[in-house]
Amino acid sequence: MKARLFLSVSLVLALAGAGKAETADQVIARARAYLGGDQALNAISTIHFTGTLETTALVPDPADKTRQIEQPVRLPADIIFQKEYRQRITISDPKVVETTALDDYEGWQKRSNPLNPSQWTVTQFDLAQVKKLRANTWENLAFFAGIEKKGGSVHLDGDETVDGRPCAKLSFRHDADNVFVRFFDKATGRLVKTVTENGTEIREEGEMTVDGVRFPRKVINKSANGRTTTITFDRVVLNERVPASEFAFPDLKPN
């Protein structure tokens, strides 16, 4: 009787252990190991991407000037993320250079004429826009770890199959208006898909390895209305020295 009881208790404990769900921390640890590991990821303070943005723009219809049509465009893109909470994204068009930047709690956008640099306008972002930029900056530099330290939270929302792959679903909540729902391959830890609070779906394709860290070759953003924007990276530089002035609000004084 004692032996039978012992075997029954052991079986119950084994089954309980086998059915125990993994935690969000375990999923994140696997995802970070896939990217390059804690030591390599924690050493990153600045990421500088250069590449090409592909999207569509509304232009006058050659056959009917009263209406507009969508036309594919390819534009040079320069993107910098720097700890803590700094970013600068520059998209260069033949007619206008658009720079969007964050300097801690100050966000702004400058549009200038590349043919006449003295012609420009600057818009200062409101609090909601700054919060969005801060969340985006954290997501690009933290590599999924430590959102609780900045007042956010991460939740494991169970499993879901994406592209035929079993994935762990995690919600990274910066605040009610800034949420990144990420799906990680349960076998490898690879990020398969991200969905933001406004329904934008973000996918990554290809791979390049820089200083032992994996980065995507291409990032595809598909908005809820179906419009797609793709950025293809030619180069990624880590821990480049970027002066604080590159992120600071532009000097409005005339030259």
C-alpha atoms as a PDB file:
ATOM      1  CA  MET A   1       0.000   0.000   0.000  1.00  0.00           C
ATOM      2  CA  LYS A   2       2.792   2.431   0.898  1.00  0.00           C
ATOM      3  CA  ALA A   3       4.610   1.754  -2.360  1.00  0.00           C
ATOM      4  CA  ARG A   4       1.443   2.251  -4.374  1.00  0.00           C
ATOM      5  CA  LEU A   5       0.716   5.505  -2.526  1.00  0.00           C
ATOM      6  CA  PHE A   6       4.261   6.726  -3.182  1.00  0.00           C
ATOM      7  CA  LEU A   7       3.930   5.982  -6.903  1.00  0.00           C
ATOM      8  CA  SER A   8       0.583   7.810  -7.053  1.00  0.00           C
ATOM      9  CA  VAL A   9       2.009  10.924  -5.403  1.00  0.00           C
ATOM     10  CA  SER A  10       5.050  10.864  -7.703  1.00  0.00           C
ATOM     11  CA  LEU A  11       2.811  10.595 -10.763  1.00  0.00           C
ATOM     12  CA  VAL A  12       0.684  13.547  -9.648  1.00  0.00           C
ATOM     13  CA  LEU A  13       3.781  15.690  -9.070  1.00  0.00           C
ATOM     14  CA  ALA A  14       5.255  14.697 -12.430  1.00  0.00           C
ATOM     15  CA  LEU A  15       2.067  15.550 -14.276  1.00  0.00           C
ATOM     16  CA  ALA A  16       1.815  18.870 -12.451  1.00  0.00           C
ATOM     17  CA  GLY A  17       5.368  19.707 -13.449  1.00  0.00           C
ATOM     18  CA  ALA A  18       4.796  18.686 -17.068  1.00  0.00           C
ATOM     19  CA  GLY A  19       1.726  20.903 -17.349  1.00  0.00           C
ATOM     20  CA  LYS A  20       3.318  23.956 -15.760  1.00  0.00           C
ATOM     21  CA  ALA A  21       3.235  26.879 -18.197  1.00  0.00           C
ATOM     22  CA  GLU A  22       6.387  28.875 -18.793  1.00  0.00           C
ATOM     23  CA  THR A  23       6.592  32.477 -17.658  1.00  0.00           C
ATOM     24  CA  ALA A  24       6.982  35.692 -19.625  1.00  0.00           C
ATOM     25  CA  ASP A  25      10.554  35.947 -18.299  1.00  0.00           C
ATOM     26  CA  GLN A  26      11.380  32.538 -19.749  1.00  0.00           C
ATOM     27  CA  VAL A  27      10.016  33.516 -23.165  1.00  0.00           C
ATOM     28  CA  ILE A  28      12.001  36.764 -23.082  1.00  0.00           C
ATOM     29  CA  ALA A  29      15.185  34.924 -22.030  1.00  0.00           C
ATOM     30  CA  ARG A  30      14.814  32.584 -25.016  1.00  0.00           C
ATOM     31  CA  ALA A  31      14.175  35.514 -27.372  1.00  0.00           C
ATOM     32  CA  ARG A  32      17.251  37.372 -26.115  1.00  0.00           C
ATOM     33  CA  ALA A  33      19.400  34.255 -26.405  1.00  0.00           C
ATOM     34  CA  TYR A  34      18.295  33.924 -30.029  1.00  0.00           C
ATOM     35  CA  LEU A  35      19.297  37.523 -30.764  1.00  0.00           C
ATOM     36  CA  GLY A  36      22.753  37.193 -29.229  1.00  0.00           C
ATOM     37  CA  GLY A  37      22.510  36.833 -25.450  1.00  0.00           C
ATOM     38  CA  ASP A  38      22.433  39.183 -22.481  1.00  0.00           C
ATOM     39  CA  GLN A  39      26.069  40.257 -22.583  1.00  0.00           C
ATOM     40  CA  ALA A  40      25.974  41.359 -26.233  1.00  0.00           C
ATOM     41  CA  LEU A  41      22.539  42.994 -25.968  1.00  0.00           C
ATOM     42  CA  ASN A  42      23.223  44.852 -22.726  1.00  0.00           C
ATOM     43  CA  ALA A  43      26.395  46.328 -24.234  1.00  0.00           C
ATOM     44  CA  ILE A  44      24.400  48.203 -26.889  1.00  0.00           C
ATOM     45  CA  SER A  45      23.854  51.909 -26.187  1.00  0.00           C
ATOM     46  CA  THR A  46      23.345  53.189 -29.748  1.00  0.00           C
ATOM     47  CA  ILE A  47      22.040  51.618 -32.950  1.00  0.00           C
ATOM     48  CA  HIS A  48      22.478  53.402 -36.281  1.00  0.00           C
ATOM     49  CA  PHE A  49      20.564  51.987 -39.248  1.00  0.00           C
ATOM     50  CA  THR A  50      20.927  53.180 -42.830  1.00  0.00           C
ATOM     51  CA  GLY A  51      18.810  51.885 -45.671  1.00  0.00           C
ATOM     52  CA  THR A  52      15.886  52.514 -47.988  1.00  0.00           C
ATOM     53  CA  LEU A  53      12.233  53.168 -47.209  1.00  0.00           C
ATOM     54  CA  GLU A  54       9.686  51.897 -49.722  1.00  0.00           C
ATOM     55  CA  THR A  55       6.096  53.096 -49.621  1.00  0.00           C
ATOM     56  CA  THR A  56       3.536  54.847 -51.808  1.00  0.00           C
ATOM     57  CA  ALA A  57       2.719  58.526 -52.296  1.00  0.00           C
ATOM     58  CA  LEU A  58      -0.272  60.320 -53.756  1.00  0.00           C
ATOM     59  CA  VAL A  59       0.619  62.123 -56.996  1.00  0.00           C
ATOM     60  CA  PRO A  60      -1.457  63.827 -59.714  1.00  0.00           C
ATOM     61  CA  ASP A  61      -2.834  61.400 -62.273  1.00  0.00           C
ATOM     62  CA  PRO A  62      -1.092  62.166 -65.635  1.00  0.00           C
ATOM     63  CA  ALA A  63      -4.329  61.345 -67.418  1.00  0.00           C
ATOM     64  CA  ASP A  64      -6.531  63.454 -65.141  1.00  0.00           C
ATOM     65  CA  LYS A  65      -4.960  66.274 -63.111  1.00  0.00           C
ATOM     66  CA  THR A  66      -8.109  66.605 -60.985  1.00  0.00           C
ATOM     67  CA  ARG A  67      -7.473  63.278 -59.251  1.00  0.00           C
ATOM     68  CA  GLN A  68      -4.571  61.629 -57.467  1.00  0.00           C
ATOM     69  CA  ILE A  69      -3.123  58.154 -57.727  1.00  0.00           C
ATOM     70  CA  GLU A  70      -0.731  56.142 -55.570  1.00  0.00           C
ATOM     71  CA  GLN A  71       2.798  55.772 -56.876  1.00  0.00           C
ATOM     72  CA  PRO A  72       5.631  53.663 -55.379  1.00  0.00           C
ATOM     73  CA  VAL A  73       8.526  55.652 -53.903  1.00  0.00           C
ATOM     74  CA  ARG A  74      11.977  54.628 -52.611  1.00  0.00           C
ATOM     75  CA  LEU A  75      13.714  57.052 -50.249  1.00  0.00           C
ATOM     76  CA  PRO A  76      16.994  57.004 -48.300  1.00  0.00           C
ATOM     77  CA  ALA A  77      16.434  56.423 -44.572  1.00  0.00           C
ATOM     78  CA  ASP A  78      18.763  57.128 -41.656  1.00  0.00           C
ATOM     79  CA  ILE A  79      17.668  55.926 -38.204  1.00  0.00           C
ATOM     80  CA  ILE A  80      19.423  56.319 -34.851  1.00  0.00           C
ATOM     81  CA  PHE A  81      18.333  55.025 -31.438  1.00  0.00           C
ATOM     82  CA  GLN A  82      20.348  55.968 -28.361  1.00  0.00           C
ATOM     83  CA  LYS A  83      19.954  55.242 -24.659  1.00  0.00           C
ATOM     84  CA  GLU A  84      18.238  56.725 -22.810  1.00  0.00           C
ATOM     85  CA  TYR A  85      15.240  57.794 -24.901  1.00  0.00           C
ATOM     86  CA  ARG A  86      16.806  59.436 -27.893  1.00  0.00           C
ATOM     87  CA  GLN A  87      16.018  58.779 -31.518  1.00  0.00           C
ATOM     88  CA  ARG A  88      16.430  60.515 -34.848  1.00  0.00           C
ATOM     89  CA  ILE A  89      14.850  59.369 -38.123  1.00  0.00           C
ATOM     90  CA  THR A  90      15.639  61.189 -41.367  1.00  0.00           C
ATOM     91  CA  ILE A  91      13.824  60.447 -44.625  1.00  0.00           C
ATOM     92  CA  SER A  92      15.235  62.271 -47.654  1.00  0.00           C
ATOM     93  CA  ASP A  93      12.958  63.150 -50.553  1.00  0.00           C
ATOM     94  CA  PRO A  94      14.115  65.255 -53.545  1.00  0.00           C
ATOM     95  CA  LYS A  95      11.622  67.925 -52.482  1.00  0.00           C
ATOM     96  CA  VAL A  96      11.757  67.710 -48.692  1.00  0.00           C
ATOM     97  CA  VAL A  97      13.985  66.243 -45.980  1.00  0.00           C
ATOM     98  CA  GLU A  98      11.924  65.137 -42.980  1.00  0.00           C
ATOM     99  CA  THR A  99      13.614  64.594 -39.610  1.00  0.00           C
ATOM    100  CA  THR A 100      11.707  63.216 -36.630  1.00  0.00           C
ATOM    101  CA  ALA A 101      13.516  63.217 -33.296  1.00  0.00           C
ATOM    102  CA  LEU A 102      13.161  62.536 -29.593  1.00  0.00           C
ATOM    103  CA  ASP A 103      15.341  63.994 -26.850  1.00  0.00           C
ATOM    104  CA  ASP A 104      14.099  62.386 -23.620  1.00  0.00           C
ATOM    105  CA  TYR A 105      10.746  64.178 -23.076  1.00  0.00           C
ATOM    106  CA  GLU A 106      10.994  66.535 -26.048  1.00  0.00           C
ATOM    107  CA  GLY A 107       9.921  65.415 -29.513  1.00  0.00           C
ATOM    108  CA  TRP A 108       9.929  67.348 -32.763  1.00  0.00           C
ATOM    109  CA  GLN A 109       9.790  67.124 -36.536  1.00  0.00           C
ATOM    110  CA  LYS A 110      11.661  69.324 -38.993  1.00  0.00           C
ATOM    111  CA  ARG A 111      10.854  69.587 -42.706  1.00  0.00           C
ATOM    112  CA  SER A 112      13.405  71.375 -44.868  1.00  0.00           C
ATOM    113  CA  ASN A 113      14.017  72.116 -48.540  1.00  0.00           C
ATOM    114  CA  PRO A 114      17.128  70.204 -49.686  1.00  0.00           C
ATOM    115  CA  LEU A 115      17.668  72.770 -52.454  1.00  0.00           C
ATOM    116  CA  ASN A 116      17.476  75.669 -50.006  1.00  0.00           C
ATOM    117  CA  PRO A 117      18.327  74.641 -46.406  1.00  0.00           C
ATOM    118  CA  SER A 118      17.242  78.041 -45.090  1.00  0.00           C
ATOM    119  CA  GLN A 119      13.648  77.083 -45.882  1.00  0.00           C
ATOM    120  CA  TRP A 120      12.329  74.874 -43.091  1.00  0.00           C
ATOM    121  CA  THR A 121       9.556  74.424 -40.549  1.00  0.00           C
ATOM    122  CA  VAL A 122       9.587  72.732 -37.131  1.00  0.00           C
ATOM    123  CA  THR A 123       6.710  71.129 -35.239  1.00  0.00           C
ATOM    124  CA  GLN A 124       6.950  70.305 -31.545  1.00  0.00           C
ATOM    125  CA  PHE A 125       5.149  67.108 -30.521  1.00  0.00           C
ATOM    126  CA  ASP A 126       2.527  66.906 -27.797  1.00  0.00           C
ATOM    127  CA  LEU A 127       2.689  64.549 -24.801  1.00  0.00           C
ATOM    128  CA  ALA A 128       0.880  61.680 -26.536  1.00  0.00           C
ATOM    129  CA  GLN A 129       3.294  61.798 -29.474  1.00  0.00           C
ATOM    130  CA  VAL A 130       6.303  61.963 -27.149  1.00  0.00           C
ATOM    131  CA  LYS A 131       5.066  58.907 -25.231  1.00  0.00           C
ATOM    132  CA  LYS A 132       4.774  56.996 -28.499  1.00  0.00           C
ATOM    133  CA  LEU A 133       8.334  57.929 -29.481  1.00  0.00           C
ATOM    134  CA  ARG A 134       9.632  56.930 -26.050  1.00  0.00           C
ATOM    135  CA  ALA A 135       7.906  53.541 -26.282  1.00  0.00           C
ATOM    136  CA  ASN A 136       9.314  53.014 -29.769  1.00  0.00           C
ATOM    137  CA  THR A 137      12.815  53.927 -28.610  1.00  0.00           C
ATOM    138  CA  TRP A 138      12.640  51.522 -25.668  1.00  0.00           C
ATOM    139  CA  GLU A 139      11.397  48.708 -27.902  1.00  0.00           C
ATOM    140  CA  ASN A 140      14.388  49.125 -30.219  1.00  0.00           C
ATOM    141  CA  LEU A 141      17.036  49.285 -27.484  1.00  0.00           C
ATOM    142  CA  ALA A 142      15.839  47.088 -24.606  1.00  0.00           C
ATOM    143  CA  PHE A 143      15.434  43.860 -26.587  1.00  0.00           C
ATOM    144  CA  PHE A 144      12.287  42.928 -24.620  1.00  0.00           C
ATOM    145  CA  ALA A 145      13.817  43.070 -21.107  1.00  0.00           C
ATOM    146  CA  GLY A 146      13.067  45.375 -18.171  1.00  0.00           C
ATOM    147  CA  ILE A 147       9.852  47.169 -19.126  1.00  0.00           C
ATOM    148  CA  GLU A 148       8.751  47.013 -15.474  1.00  0.00           C
ATOM    149  CA  LYS A 149      11.668  49.277 -14.512  1.00  0.00           C
ATOM    150  CA  LYS A 150      10.174  52.077 -16.619  1.00  0.00           C
ATOM    151  CA  GLY A 151       6.657  51.698 -15.225  1.00  0.00           C
ATOM    152  CA  GLY A 152       5.316  49.363 -17.909  1.00  0.00           C
ATOM    153  CA  SER A 153       4.325  45.714 -17.781  1.00  0.00           C
ATOM    154  CA  VAL A 154       4.593  42.519 -19.804  1.00  0.00           C
ATOM    155  CA  HIS A 155       1.964  39.778 -19.864  1.00  0.00           C
ATOM    156  CA  LEU A 156       2.055  36.254 -21.232  1.00  0.00           C
ATOM    157  CA  ASP A 157      -1.208  35.840 -23.143  1.00  0.00           C
ATOM    158  CA  GLY A 158      -0.907  32.157 -23.960  1.00  0.00           C
ATOM    159  CA  ASP A 159       0.033  30.403 -27.173  1.00  0.00           C
ATOM    160  CA  GLU A 160      -0.981  31.096 -30.756  1.00  0.00           C
ATOM    161  CA  THR A 161      -0.020  29.627 -34.112  1.00  0.00           C
ATOM    162  CA  VAL A 162       1.470  32.127 -36.567  1.00  0.00           C
ATOM    163  CA  ASP A 163       2.588  31.059 -40.045  1.00  0.00           C
ATOM    164  CA  GLY A 164       2.210  27.457 -38.936  1.00  0.00           C
ATOM    165  CA  ARG A 165       4.583  27.940 -35.988  1.00  0.00           C
ATOM    166  CA  PRO A 166       3.571  27.564 -32.325  1.00  0.00           C
ATOM    167  CA  CYS A 167       4.256  30.951 -30.733  1.00  0.00           C
ATOM    168  CA  ALA A 168       4.166  32.465 -27.263  1.00  0.00           C
ATOM    169  CA  LYS A 169       2.133  35.692 -27.221  1.00  0.00           C
ATOM    170  CA  LEU A 170       3.434  38.514 -25.007  1.00  0.00           C
ATOM    171  CA  SER A 171       1.932  41.983 -24.543  1.00  0.00           C
ATOM    172  CA  PHE A 172       4.402  44.773 -23.739  1.00  0.00           C
ATOM    173  CA  ARG A 173       2.287  47.580 -22.275  1.00  0.00           C
ATOM    174  CA  HIS A 174       3.944  50.985 -21.893  1.00  0.00           C
ATOM    175  CA  ASP A 175       0.575  52.613 -21.197  1.00  0.00           C
ATOM    176  CA  ALA A 176      -2.982  52.261 -22.476  1.00  0.00           C
ATOM    177  CA  ASP A 177      -2.115  53.896 -25.804  1.00  0.00           C
ATOM    178  CA  ASN A 178       1.229  52.182 -26.446  1.00  0.00           C
ATOM    179  CA  VAL A 179       1.083  48.390 -26.545  1.00  0.00           C
ATOM    180  CA  PHE A 180       3.245  45.979 -28.551  1.00  0.00           C
ATOM    181  CA  VAL A 181       1.870  42.439 -28.837  1.00  0.00           C
ATOM    182  CA  ARG A 182       4.709  40.169 -29.878  1.00  0.00           C
ATOM    183  CA  PHE A 183       4.641  36.540 -31.035  1.00  0.00           C
ATOM    184  CA  PHE A 184       7.803  34.485 -30.378  1.00  0.00           C
ATOM    185  CA  ASP A 185       8.576  31.103 -31.911  1.00  0.00           C
ATOM    186  CA  LYS A 186       8.372  28.664 -28.977  1.00  0.00           C
ATOM    187  CA  ALA A 187      11.151  26.480 -30.344  1.00  0.00           C
ATOM    188  CA  THR A 188      13.766  29.110 -31.206  1.00  0.00           C
ATOM    189  CA  GLY A 189      12.705  32.379 -29.540  1.00  0.00           C
ATOM    190  CA  ARG A 190      12.665  34.202 -32.889  1.00  0.00           C
ATOM    191  CA  LEU A 191      10.250  37.132 -33.115  1.00  0.00           C
ATOM    192  CA  VAL A 192       7.648  36.144 -35.728  1.00  0.00           C
ATOM    193  CA  LYS A 193       5.219  39.068 -35.649  1.00  0.00           C
ATOM    194  CA  THR A 194       4.346  42.252 -33.759  1.00  0.00           C
ATOM    195  CA  VAL A 195       0.952  43.985 -33.610  1.00  0.00           C
ATOM    196  CA  THR A 196       0.562  47.489 -32.143  1.00  0.00           C
ATOM    197  CA  GLU A 197      -2.440  48.981 -30.369  1.00  0.00           C
ATOM    198  CA  ASN A 198      -3.679  50.650 -33.592  1.00  0.00           C
ATOM    199  CA  GLY A 199      -3.652  47.403 -35.557  1.00  0.00           C
ATOM    200  CA  THR A 200      -0.345  47.882 -37.389  1.00  0.00           C
ATOM    201  CA  GLU A 201       1.353  44.546 -38.108  1.00  0.00           C
ATOM    202  CA  ILE A 202       5.150  44.456 -38.139  1.00  0.00           C
ATOM    203  CA  ARG A 203       7.136  41.627 -39.726  1.00  0.00           C
ATOM    204  CA  GLU A 204      10.869  41.068 -40.064  1.00  0.00           C
ATOM    205  CA  GLU A 205      12.628  39.373 -42.966  1.00  0.00           C
ATOM    206  CA  GLY A 206      16.202  38.315 -43.603  1.00  0.00           C
ATOM    207  CA  GLU A 207      19.064  38.698 -41.180  1.00  0.00           C
ATOM    208  CA  MET A 208      22.394  40.385 -40.627  1.00  0.00           C
ATOM    209  CA  THR A 209      24.711  39.844 -37.665  1.00  0.00           C
ATOM    210  CA  VAL A 210      26.619  42.767 -36.168  1.00  0.00           C
ATOM    211  CA  ASP A 211      29.004  42.246 -33.247  1.00  0.00           C
ATOM    212  CA  GLY A 212      27.292  38.963 -32.439  1.00  0.00           C
ATOM    213  CA  VAL A 213      23.753  40.407 -32.477  1.00  0.00           C
ATOM    214  CA  ARG A 214      21.085  39.470 -34.996  1.00  0.00           C
ATOM    215  CA  PHE A 215      19.217  42.270 -36.788  1.00  0.00           C
ATOM    216  CA  PRO A 216      16.587  41.976 -39.514  1.00  0.00           C
ATOM    217  CA  ARG A 217      17.520  42.821 -43.069  1.00  0.00           C
ATOM    218  CA  LYS A 218      14.027  44.159 -43.698  1.00  0.00           C
ATOM    219  CA  VAL A 219      11.132  45.467 -41.555  1.00  0.00           C
ATOM    220  CA  ILE A 220       7.637  45.520 -43.050  1.00  0.00           C
ATOM    221  CA  ASN A 221       4.883  47.648 -41.479  1.00  0.00           C
ATOM    222  CA  LYS A 222       1.318  46.999 -42.612  1.00  0.00           C
ATOM    223  CA  SER A 223      -1.240  49.435 -41.214  1.00  0.00           C
ATOM    224  CA  ALA A 224      -4.835  48.550 -40.390  1.00  0.00           C
ATOM    225  CA  ASN A 225      -5.963  50.158 -43.668  1.00  0.00           C
ATOM    226  CA  GLY A 226      -3.649  47.897 -45.662  1.00  0.00           C
ATOM    227  CA  ARG A 227      -0.964  50.426 -46.534  1.00  0.00           C
ATOM    228  CA  THR A 228       2.519  48.902 -46.384  1.00  0.00           C
ATOM    229  CA  THR A 229       5.839  50.570 -45.610  1.00  0.00           C
ATOM    230  CA  THR A 230       9.073  48.607 -45.913  1.00  0.00           C
ATOM    231  CA  ILE A 231      12.545  49.556 -44.698  1.00  0.00           C
ATOM    232  CA  THR A 232      15.492  47.574 -46.045  1.00  0.00           C
ATOM    233  CA  PHE A 233      18.728  48.033 -44.118  1.00  0.00           C
ATOM    234  CA  ASP A 234      22.071  48.266 -45.883  1.00  0.00           C
ATOM    235  CA  ARG A 235      24.128  48.836 -42.740  1.00  0.00           C
ATOM    236  CA  VAL A 236      23.868  48.642 -38.955  1.00  0.00           C
ATOM    237  CA  VAL A 237      26.486  50.288 -36.705  1.00  0.00           C
ATOM    238  CA  LEU A 238      26.501  49.742 -32.941  1.00  0.00           C
ATOM    239  CA  ASN A 239      27.666  52.119 -30.202  1.00  0.00           C
ATOM    240  CA  GLU A 240      28.604  54.917 -32.564  1.00  0.00           C
ATOM    241  CA  ARG A 241      29.341  58.241 -30.891  1.00  0.00           C
ATOM    242  CA  VAL A 242      26.422  60.528 -31.718  1.00  0.00           C
ATOM    243  CA  PRO A 243      26.458  64.036 -30.201  1.00  0.00           C
ATOM    244  CA  ALA A 244      23.503  65.013 -28.021  1.00  0.00           C
ATOM    245  CA  SER A 245      22.963  68.000 -30.320  1.00  0.00           C
ATOM    246  CA  GLU A 246      21.749  65.635 -33.052  1.00  0.00           C
ATOM    247  CA  PHE A 247      18.603  64.964 -31.008  1.00  0.00           C
ATOM    248  CA  ALA A 248      18.091  68.421 -29.475  1.00  0.00           C
ATOM    249  CA  PHE A 249      15.276  70.712 -30.556  1.00  0.00           C
ATOM    250  CA  PRO A 250      16.545  72.881 -33.466  1.00  0.00           C
ATOM    251  CA  ASP A 251      17.756  76.394 -32.803  1.00  0.00           C
ATOM    252  CA  LEU A 252      14.985  78.708 -34.002  1.00  0.00           C
ATOM    253  CA  LYS A 253      17.190  81.792 -34.061  1.00  0.00           C
ATOM    254  CA  PRO A 254      17.917  83.121 -37.561  1.00  0.00           C
ATOM    255  CA  ASN A 255      21.473  82.667 -38.825  1.00  0.00           C
END
